[in-house]
PDB file of N, CA and C in Angstrom:
ATOM      1  N   MET A   1     -17.148  -5.314  -5.091  1.00  0.00           N
ATOM      2  CA  MET A   1     -15.847  -5.423  -5.725  1.00  0.00           C
ATOM      3  C   MET A   1     -14.716  -5.380  -4.700  1.00  0.00           C
ATOM      4  N   MET A   2     -14.899  -4.593  -3.616  1.00  0.00           N
ATOM      5  CA  MET A   2     -13.830  -4.453  -2.634  1.00  0.00           C
ATOM      6  C   MET A   2     -13.548  -5.764  -1.899  1.00  0.00           C
ATOM      7  N   ASN A   3     -14.484  -6.683  -1.882  1.00  0.00           N
ATOM      8  CA  ASN A   3     -14.279  -7.957  -1.212  1.00  0.00           C
ATOM      9  C   ASN A   3     -14.010  -9.093  -2.187  1.00  0.00           C
ATOM     10  N   SER A   4     -13.667  -8.779  -3.410  1.00  0.00           N
ATOM     11  CA  SER A   4     -13.470  -9.813  -4.419  1.00  0.00           C
ATOM     12  C   SER A   4     -12.176 -10.593  -4.171  1.00  0.00           C
ATOM     13  N   GLN A   5     -12.158 -11.829  -4.604  1.00  0.00           N
ATOM     14  CA  GLN A   5     -10.964 -12.658  -4.488  1.00  0.00           C
ATOM     15  C   GLN A   5      -9.825 -12.086  -5.308  1.00  0.00           C
ATOM     16  N   PHE A   6     -10.148 -11.466  -6.439  1.00  0.00           N
ATOM     17  CA  PHE A   6      -9.116 -10.849  -7.264  1.00  0.00           C
ATOM     18  C   PHE A   6      -8.390  -9.761  -6.487  1.00  0.00           C
ATOM     19  N   LEU A   7      -9.148  -8.855  -5.878  1.00  0.00           N
ATOM     20  CA  LEU A   7      -8.543  -7.759  -5.132  1.00  0.00           C
ATOM     21  C   LEU A   7      -7.767  -8.277  -3.933  1.00  0.00           C
ATOM     22  N   GLU A   8      -8.293  -9.266  -3.262  1.00  0.00           N
ATOM     23  CA  GLU A   8      -7.574  -9.882  -2.142  1.00  0.00           C
ATOM     24  C   GLU A   8      -6.214 -10.416  -2.608  1.00  0.00           C
ATOM     25  N   GLY A   9      -6.187 -11.047  -3.784  1.00  0.00           N
ATOM     26  CA  GLY A   9      -4.941 -11.581  -4.322  1.00  0.00           C
ATOM     27  C   GLY A   9      -3.934 -10.507  -4.675  1.00  0.00           C
ATOM     28  N   VAL A  10      -4.405  -9.387  -5.171  1.00  0.00           N
ATOM     29  CA  VAL A  10      -3.528  -8.271  -5.532  1.00  0.00           C
ATOM     30  C   VAL A  10      -2.907  -7.659  -4.284  1.00  0.00           C
ATOM     31  N   ILE A  11      -3.672  -7.590  -3.212  1.00  0.00           N
ATOM     32  CA  ILE A  11      -3.233  -6.911  -1.995  1.00  0.00           C
ATOM     33  C   ILE A  11      -2.511  -7.838  -1.023  1.00  0.00           C
ATOM     34  N   ASP A  12      -2.555  -9.105  -1.210  1.00  0.00           N
ATOM     35  CA  ASP A  12      -1.890 -10.058  -0.316  1.00  0.00           C
ATOM     36  C   ASP A  12      -0.381  -9.822  -0.365  1.00  0.00           C
ATOM     37  N   GLY A  13       0.168  -9.309   0.727  1.00  0.00           N
ATOM     38  CA  GLY A  13       1.590  -9.000   0.786  1.00  0.00           C
ATOM     39  C   GLY A  13       2.502 -10.206   0.816  1.00  0.00           C
ATOM     40  N   ASP A  14       1.967 -11.370   1.100  1.00  0.00           N
ATOM     41  CA  ASP A  14       2.764 -12.598   1.120  1.00  0.00           C
ATOM     42  C   ASP A  14       2.447 -13.503  -0.064  1.00  0.00           C
ATOM     43  N   GLY A  15       1.675 -12.998  -0.988  1.00  0.00           N
ATOM     44  CA  GLY A  15       1.246 -13.818  -2.126  1.00  0.00           C
ATOM     45  C   GLY A  15       2.053 -13.549  -3.372  1.00  0.00           C
ATOM     46  N   ARG A  16       1.356 -13.474  -4.500  1.00  0.00           N
ATOM     47  CA  ARG A  16       2.031 -13.289  -5.783  1.00  0.00           C
ATOM     48  C   ARG A  16       1.481 -12.077  -6.533  1.00  0.00           C
ATOM     49  N   GLY A  17       0.793 -11.187  -5.836  1.00  0.00           N
ATOM     50  CA  GLY A  17       0.155 -10.054  -6.475  1.00  0.00           C
ATOM     51  C   GLY A  17       1.035  -8.817  -6.538  1.00  0.00           C
ATOM     52  N   MET A  18       0.403  -7.707  -6.866  1.00  0.00           N
ATOM     53  CA  MET A  18       1.074  -6.430  -7.039  1.00  0.00           C
ATOM     54  C   MET A  18       1.829  -6.003  -5.787  1.00  0.00           C
ATOM     55  N   LEU A  19       1.225  -6.156  -4.631  1.00  0.00           N
ATOM     56  CA  LEU A  19       1.868  -5.706  -3.412  1.00  0.00           C
ATOM     57  C   LEU A  19       3.134  -6.507  -3.114  1.00  0.00           C
ATOM     58  N   THR A  20       3.074  -7.808  -3.270  1.00  0.00           N
ATOM     59  CA  THR A  20       4.251  -8.646  -3.050  1.00  0.00           C
ATOM     60  C   THR A  20       5.377  -8.251  -3.992  1.00  0.00           C
ATOM     61  N   GLU A  21       5.046  -8.036  -5.248  1.00  0.00           N
ATOM     62  CA  GLU A  21       6.045  -7.629  -6.243  1.00  0.00           C
ATOM     63  C   GLU A  21       6.642  -6.269  -5.889  1.00  0.00           C
ATOM     64  N   THR A  22       5.810  -5.349  -5.456  1.00  0.00           N
ATOM     65  CA  THR A  22       6.297  -4.020  -5.075  1.00  0.00           C
ATOM     66  C   THR A  22       7.246  -4.110  -3.890  1.00  0.00           C
ATOM     67  N   LEU A  23       6.894  -4.890  -2.884  1.00  0.00           N
ATOM     68  CA  LEU A  23       7.752  -5.027  -1.706  1.00  0.00           C
ATOM     69  C   LEU A  23       9.072  -5.712  -2.048  1.00  0.00           C
ATOM     70  N   ARG A  24       9.028  -6.654  -2.960  1.00  0.00           N
ATOM     71  CA  ARG A  24      10.266  -7.320  -3.388  1.00  0.00           C
ATOM     72  C   ARG A  24      11.145  -6.365  -4.175  1.00  0.00           C
ATOM     73  N   ARG A  25      10.543  -5.606  -5.049  1.00  0.00           N
ATOM     74  CA  ARG A  25      11.286  -4.708  -5.934  1.00  0.00           C
ATOM     75  C   ARG A  25      11.839  -3.490  -5.196  1.00  0.00           C
ATOM     76  N   TYR A  26      11.141  -3.046  -4.158  1.00  0.00           N
ATOM     77  CA  TYR A  26      11.526  -1.832  -3.434  1.00  0.00           C
ATOM     78  C   TYR A  26      11.743  -2.134  -1.947  1.00  0.00           C
ATOM     79  N   PRO A  27      12.940  -2.553  -1.561  1.00  0.00           N
ATOM     80  CA  PRO A  27      13.197  -2.842  -0.149  1.00  0.00           C
ATOM     81  C   PRO A  27      13.192  -1.587   0.730  1.00  0.00           C
ATOM     82  N   ASP A  28      13.421  -0.424   0.140  1.00  0.00           N
ATOM     83  CA  ASP A  28      13.369   0.831   0.875  1.00  0.00           C
ATOM     84  C   ASP A  28      11.909   1.266   1.015  1.00  0.00           C
ATOM     85  N   ASP A  29      11.485   1.567   2.238  1.00  0.00           N
ATOM     86  CA  ASP A  29      10.082   1.911   2.463  1.00  0.00           C
ATOM     87  C   ASP A  29       9.654   3.177   1.733  1.00  0.00           C
ATOM     88  N   GLY A  30      10.523   4.167   1.638  1.00  0.00           N
ATOM     89  CA  GLY A  30      10.168   5.383   0.915  1.00  0.00           C
ATOM     90  C   GLY A  30       9.860   5.100  -0.542  1.00  0.00           C
ATOM     91  N   ASP A  31      10.671   4.256  -1.168  1.00  0.00           N
ATOM     92  CA  ASP A  31      10.439   3.887  -2.569  1.00  0.00           C
ATOM     93  C   ASP A  31       9.174   3.054  -2.718  1.00  0.00           C
ATOM     94  N   ALA A  32       8.982   2.090  -1.801  1.00  0.00           N
ATOM     95  CA  ALA A  32       7.791   1.229  -1.869  1.00  0.00           C
ATOM     96  C   ALA A  32       6.514   2.048  -1.660  1.00  0.00           C
ATOM     97  N   LEU A  33       6.538   2.945  -0.700  1.00  0.00           N
ATOM     98  CA  LEU A  33       5.362   3.779  -0.458  1.00  0.00           C
ATOM     99  C   LEU A  33       5.079   4.688  -1.652  1.00  0.00           C
ATOM    100  N   GLY A  34       6.134   5.236  -2.240  1.00  0.00           N
ATOM    101  CA  GLY A  34       5.955   6.067  -3.421  1.00  0.00           C
ATOM    102  C   GLY A  34       5.295   5.300  -4.553  1.00  0.00           C
ATOM    103  N   GLU A  35       5.722   4.072  -4.761  1.00  0.00           N
ATOM    104  CA  GLU A  35       5.148   3.236  -5.819  1.00  0.00           C
ATOM    105  C   GLU A  35       3.679   2.916  -5.543  1.00  0.00           C
ATOM    106  N   ILE A  36       3.365   2.583  -4.310  1.00  0.00           N
ATOM    107  CA  ILE A  36       1.985   2.254  -3.961  1.00  0.00           C
ATOM    108  C   ILE A  36       1.076   3.476  -4.114  1.00  0.00           C
ATOM    109  N   TYR A  37       1.540   4.622  -3.651  1.00  0.00           N
ATOM    110  CA  TYR A  37       0.747   5.844  -3.812  1.00  0.00           C
ATOM    111  C   TYR A  37       0.538   6.174  -5.290  1.00  0.00           C
ATOM    112  N   LEU A  38       1.582   6.022  -6.081  1.00  0.00           N
ATOM    113  CA  LEU A  38       1.436   6.291  -7.523  1.00  0.00           C
ATOM    114  C   LEU A  38       0.431   5.342  -8.161  1.00  0.00           C
ATOM    115  N   ARG A  39       0.495   4.075  -7.822  1.00  0.00           N
ATOM    116  CA  ARG A  39      -0.421   3.097  -8.413  1.00  0.00           C
ATOM    117  C   ARG A  39      -1.873   3.311  -7.984  1.00  0.00           C
ATOM    118  N   ILE A  40      -2.073   3.706  -6.738  1.00  0.00           N
ATOM    119  CA  ILE A  40      -3.438   3.806  -6.222  1.00  0.00           C
ATOM    120  C   ILE A  40      -4.009   5.217  -6.366  1.00  0.00           C
ATOM    121  N   LEU A  41      -3.230   6.233  -5.991  1.00  0.00           N
ATOM    122  CA  LEU A  41      -3.757   7.600  -6.008  1.00  0.00           C
ATOM    123  C   LEU A  41      -3.196   8.460  -7.144  1.00  0.00           C
ATOM    124  N   SER A  42      -2.264   7.908  -7.903  1.00  0.00           N
ATOM    125  CA  SER A  42      -1.640   8.622  -9.029  1.00  0.00           C
ATOM    126  C   SER A  42      -0.915   9.889  -8.581  1.00  0.00           C
ATOM    127  N   ARG A  43      -0.307   9.802  -7.410  1.00  0.00           N
ATOM    128  CA  ARG A  43       0.494  10.922  -6.907  1.00  0.00           C
ATOM    129  C   ARG A  43       1.493  10.394  -5.881  1.00  0.00           C
ATOM    130  N   GLU A  44       2.499  11.220  -5.605  1.00  0.00           N
ATOM    131  CA  GLU A  44       3.477  10.888  -4.573  1.00  0.00           C
ATOM    132  C   GLU A  44       2.865  11.150  -3.195  1.00  0.00           C
ATOM    133  N   PRO A  45       3.292  10.419  -2.177  1.00  0.00           N
ATOM    134  CA  PRO A  45       2.812  10.700  -0.829  1.00  0.00           C
ATOM    135  C   PRO A  45       3.428  11.996  -0.297  1.00  0.00           C
ATOM    136  N   THR A  46       2.693  12.691   0.553  1.00  0.00           N
ATOM    137  CA  THR A  46       3.237  13.876   1.207  1.00  0.00           C
ATOM    138  C   THR A  46       4.211  13.443   2.301  1.00  0.00           C
ATOM    139  N   GLU A  47       4.972  14.393   2.817  1.00  0.00           N
ATOM    140  CA  GLU A  47       5.893  14.072   3.911  1.00  0.00           C
ATOM    141  C   GLU A  47       5.129  13.560   5.132  1.00  0.00           C
ATOM    142  N   GLN A  48       3.989  14.157   5.427  1.00  0.00           N
ATOM    143  CA  GLN A  48       3.181  13.701   6.568  1.00  0.00           C
ATOM    144  C   GLN A  48       2.678  12.273   6.344  1.00  0.00           C
ATOM    145  N   GLU A  49       2.251  11.972   5.131  1.00  0.00           N
ATOM    146  CA  GLU A  49       1.792  10.615   4.824  1.00  0.00           C
ATOM    147  C   GLU A  49       2.934   9.620   4.950  1.00  0.00           C
ATOM    148  N   LEU A  50       4.121   9.995   4.477  1.00  0.00           N
ATOM    149  CA  LEU A  50       5.279   9.110   4.620  1.00  0.00           C
ATOM    150  C   LEU A  50       5.592   8.854   6.085  1.00  0.00           C
ATOM    151  N   THR A  51       5.546   9.891   6.886  1.00  0.00           N
ATOM    152  CA  THR A  51       5.820   9.747   8.318  1.00  0.00           C
ATOM    153  C   THR A  51       4.808   8.816   8.978  1.00  0.00           C
ATOM    154  N   THR A  52       3.539   9.040   8.685  1.00  0.00           N
ATOM    155  CA  THR A  52       2.483   8.200   9.257  1.00  0.00           C
ATOM    156  C   THR A  52       2.645   6.746   8.827  1.00  0.00           C
ATOM    157  N   CYS A  53       2.906   6.522   7.547  1.00  0.00           N
ATOM    158  CA  CYS A  53       3.071   5.152   7.040  1.00  0.00           C
ATOM    159  C   CYS A  53       4.298   4.484   7.642  1.00  0.00           C
ATOM    160  N   ARG A  54       5.389   5.210   7.755  1.00  0.00           N
ATOM    161  CA  ARG A  54       6.606   4.625   8.341  1.00  0.00           C
ATOM    162  C   ARG A  54       6.386   4.245   9.807  1.00  0.00           C
ATOM    163  N   GLU A  55       5.644   5.075  10.531  1.00  0.00           N
ATOM    164  CA  GLU A  55       5.321   4.737  11.925  1.00  0.00           C
ATOM    165  C   GLU A  55       4.485   3.468  11.986  1.00  0.00           C
ATOM    166  N   HIS A  56       3.545   3.343  11.062  1.00  0.00           N
ATOM    167  CA  HIS A  56       2.710   2.141  11.030  1.00  0.00           C
ATOM    168  C   HIS A  56       3.550   0.907  10.702  1.00  0.00           C
ATOM    169  N   ILE A  57       4.432   1.025   9.741  1.00  0.00           N
ATOM    170  CA  ILE A  57       5.299  -0.098   9.356  1.00  0.00           C
ATOM    171  C   ILE A  57       6.175  -0.515  10.541  1.00  0.00           C
ATOM    172  N   ALA A  58       6.728   0.470  11.245  1.00  0.00           N
ATOM    173  CA  ALA A  58       7.602   0.175  12.386  1.00  0.00           C
ATOM    174  C   ALA A  58       6.853  -0.501  13.524  1.00  0.00           C
ATOM    175  N   SER A  59       5.542  -0.299  13.607  1.00  0.00           N
ATOM    176  CA  SER A  59       4.763  -0.873  14.709  1.00  0.00           C
ATOM    177  C   SER A  59       4.360  -2.323  14.458  1.00  0.00           C
ATOM    178  N   HIS A  60       4.668  -2.859  13.278  1.00  0.00           N
ATOM    179  CA  HIS A  60       4.299  -4.239  12.929  1.00  0.00           C
ATOM    180  C   HIS A  60       5.518  -5.140  12.838  1.00  0.00           C
ATOM    181  N   ASP A  61       5.329  -6.385  13.186  1.00  0.00           N
ATOM    182  CA  ASP A  61       6.392  -7.371  13.013  1.00  0.00           C
ATOM    183  C   ASP A  61       6.547  -7.764  11.555  1.00  0.00           C
ATOM    184  N   SER A  62       5.461  -7.694  10.810  1.00  0.00           N
ATOM    185  CA  SER A  62       5.455  -8.115   9.412  1.00  0.00           C
ATOM    186  C   SER A  62       5.320  -6.906   8.486  1.00  0.00           C
ATOM    187  N   ARG A  63       6.326  -6.703   7.665  1.00  0.00           N
ATOM    188  CA  ARG A  63       6.278  -5.608   6.682  1.00  0.00           C
ATOM    189  C   ARG A  63       5.094  -5.805   5.736  1.00  0.00           C
ATOM    190  N   ALA A  64       4.861  -7.034   5.321  1.00  0.00           N
ATOM    191  CA  ALA A  64       3.773  -7.327   4.380  1.00  0.00           C
ATOM    192  C   ALA A  64       2.415  -6.952   4.969  1.00  0.00           C
ATOM    193  N   VAL A  65       2.185  -7.295   6.219  1.00  0.00           N
ATOM    194  CA  VAL A  65       0.902  -6.970   6.860  1.00  0.00           C
ATOM    195  C   VAL A  65       0.738  -5.459   6.984  1.00  0.00           C
ATOM    196  N   ALA A  66       1.787  -4.757   7.344  1.00  0.00           N
ATOM    197  CA  ALA A  66       1.714  -3.300   7.460  1.00  0.00           C
ATOM    198  C   ALA A  66       1.353  -2.678   6.108  1.00  0.00           C
ATOM    199  N   TYR A  67       1.951  -3.170   5.041  1.00  0.00           N
ATOM    200  CA  TYR A  67       1.655  -2.639   3.710  1.00  0.00           C
ATOM    201  C   TYR A  67       0.254  -3.033   3.238  1.00  0.00           C
ATOM    202  N   GLU A  68      -0.217  -4.182   3.643  1.00  0.00           N
ATOM    203  CA  GLU A  68      -1.600  -4.545   3.325  1.00  0.00           C
ATOM    204  C   GLU A  68      -2.548  -3.535   3.961  1.00  0.00           C
ATOM    205  N   ASP A  69      -2.294  -3.178   5.215  1.00  0.00           N
ATOM    206  CA  ASP A  69      -3.121  -2.186   5.901  1.00  0.00           C
ATOM    207  C   ASP A  69      -3.095  -0.849   5.163  1.00  0.00           C
ATOM    208  N   ILE A  70      -1.915  -0.407   4.795  1.00  0.00           N
ATOM    209  CA  ILE A  70      -1.768   0.872   4.097  1.00  0.00           C
ATOM    210  C   ILE A  70      -2.498   0.835   2.762  1.00  0.00           C
ATOM    211  N   THR A  71      -2.366  -0.256   2.038  1.00  0.00           N
ATOM    212  CA  THR A  71      -3.019  -0.384   0.736  1.00  0.00           C
ATOM    213  C   THR A  71      -4.534  -0.331   0.882  1.00  0.00           C
ATOM    214  N   TRP A  72      -5.067  -1.048   1.869  1.00  0.00           N
ATOM    215  CA  TRP A  72      -6.519  -1.013   2.103  1.00  0.00           C
ATOM    216  C   TRP A  72      -6.975   0.390   2.475  1.00  0.00           C
ATOM    217  N   CYS A  73      -6.199   1.088   3.287  1.00  0.00           N
ATOM    218  CA  CYS A  73      -6.554   2.461   3.661  1.00  0.00           C
ATOM    219  C   CYS A  73      -6.612   3.364   2.438  1.00  0.00           C
ATOM    220  N   LEU A  74      -5.653   3.227   1.548  1.00  0.00           N
ATOM    221  CA  LEU A  74      -5.648   4.058   0.340  1.00  0.00           C
ATOM    222  C   LEU A  74      -6.824   3.722  -0.563  1.00  0.00           C
ATOM    223  N   LEU A  75      -7.112   2.448  -0.709  1.00  0.00           N
ATOM    224  CA  LEU A  75      -8.232   2.042  -1.559  1.00  0.00           C
ATOM    225  C   LEU A  75      -9.585   2.474  -0.992  1.00  0.00           C
ATOM    226  N   ASN A  76      -9.668   2.621   0.315  1.00  0.00           N
ATOM    227  CA  ASN A  76     -10.915   3.045   0.950  1.00  0.00           C
ATOM    228  C   ASN A  76     -10.958   4.538   1.258  1.00  0.00           C
ATOM    229  N   SER A  77      -9.930   5.256   0.830  1.00  0.00           N
ATOM    230  CA  SER A  77      -9.887   6.696   1.103  1.00  0.00           C
ATOM    231  C   SER A  77     -10.885   7.444   0.214  1.00  0.00           C
ATOM    232  N   SER A  78     -11.338   8.574   0.712  1.00  0.00           N
ATOM    233  CA  SER A  78     -12.253   9.388  -0.097  1.00  0.00           C
ATOM    234  C   SER A  78     -11.561   9.886  -1.359  1.00  0.00           C
ATOM    235  N   GLU A  79     -10.254  10.101  -1.296  1.00  0.00           N
ATOM    236  CA  GLU A  79      -9.513  10.523  -2.486  1.00  0.00           C
ATOM    237  C   GLU A  79      -9.603   9.481  -3.590  1.00  0.00           C
ATOM    238  N   PHE A  80      -9.396   8.223  -3.246  1.00  0.00           N
ATOM    239  CA  PHE A  80      -9.490   7.170  -4.245  1.00  0.00           C
ATOM    240  C   PHE A  80     -10.931   7.009  -4.744  1.00  0.00           C
ATOM    241  N   LEU A  81     -11.870   7.020  -3.817  1.00  0.00           N
ATOM    242  CA  LEU A  81     -13.262   6.781  -4.170  1.00  0.00           C
ATOM    243  C   LEU A  81     -13.854   7.890  -5.042  1.00  0.00           C
ATOM    244  N   THR A  82     -13.382   9.119  -4.879  1.00  0.00           N
ATOM    245  CA  THR A  82     -13.951  10.223  -5.659  1.00  0.00           C
ATOM    246  C   THR A  82     -13.163  10.541  -6.919  1.00  0.00           C
ATOM    247  N   ARG A  83     -11.902  10.161  -6.979  1.00  0.00           N
ATOM    248  CA  ARG A  83     -11.084  10.485  -8.140  1.00  0.00           C
ATOM    249  C   ARG A  83     -10.937   9.341  -9.123  1.00  0.00           C
ATOM    250  N   ARG A  84     -11.091   8.111  -8.679  1.00  0.00           N
ATOM    251  CA  ARG A  84     -10.851   6.961  -9.548  1.00  0.00           C
ATOM    252  C   ARG A  84     -12.160   6.437  -9.975  1.00  0.00           C
TER     253      ARG A  84
END
């Protein structure tokens, strides 16, 4: 399921899926990260998680690619795998 075309479409930051819509709707990274964490883990990110994610976003030329990485990390986290 993790390699499905459906999931790829949802996570494509430059496409028409959930991630693209979230990035368009929330230009502020704190708001966008909060929305992604709520959708995937059903909770707000911690301050440490926000700091780590913001550093990752700043290290990329493409905001969409950085958020794709973050989304994949959350989906592959033990928290997601054991709680969802």
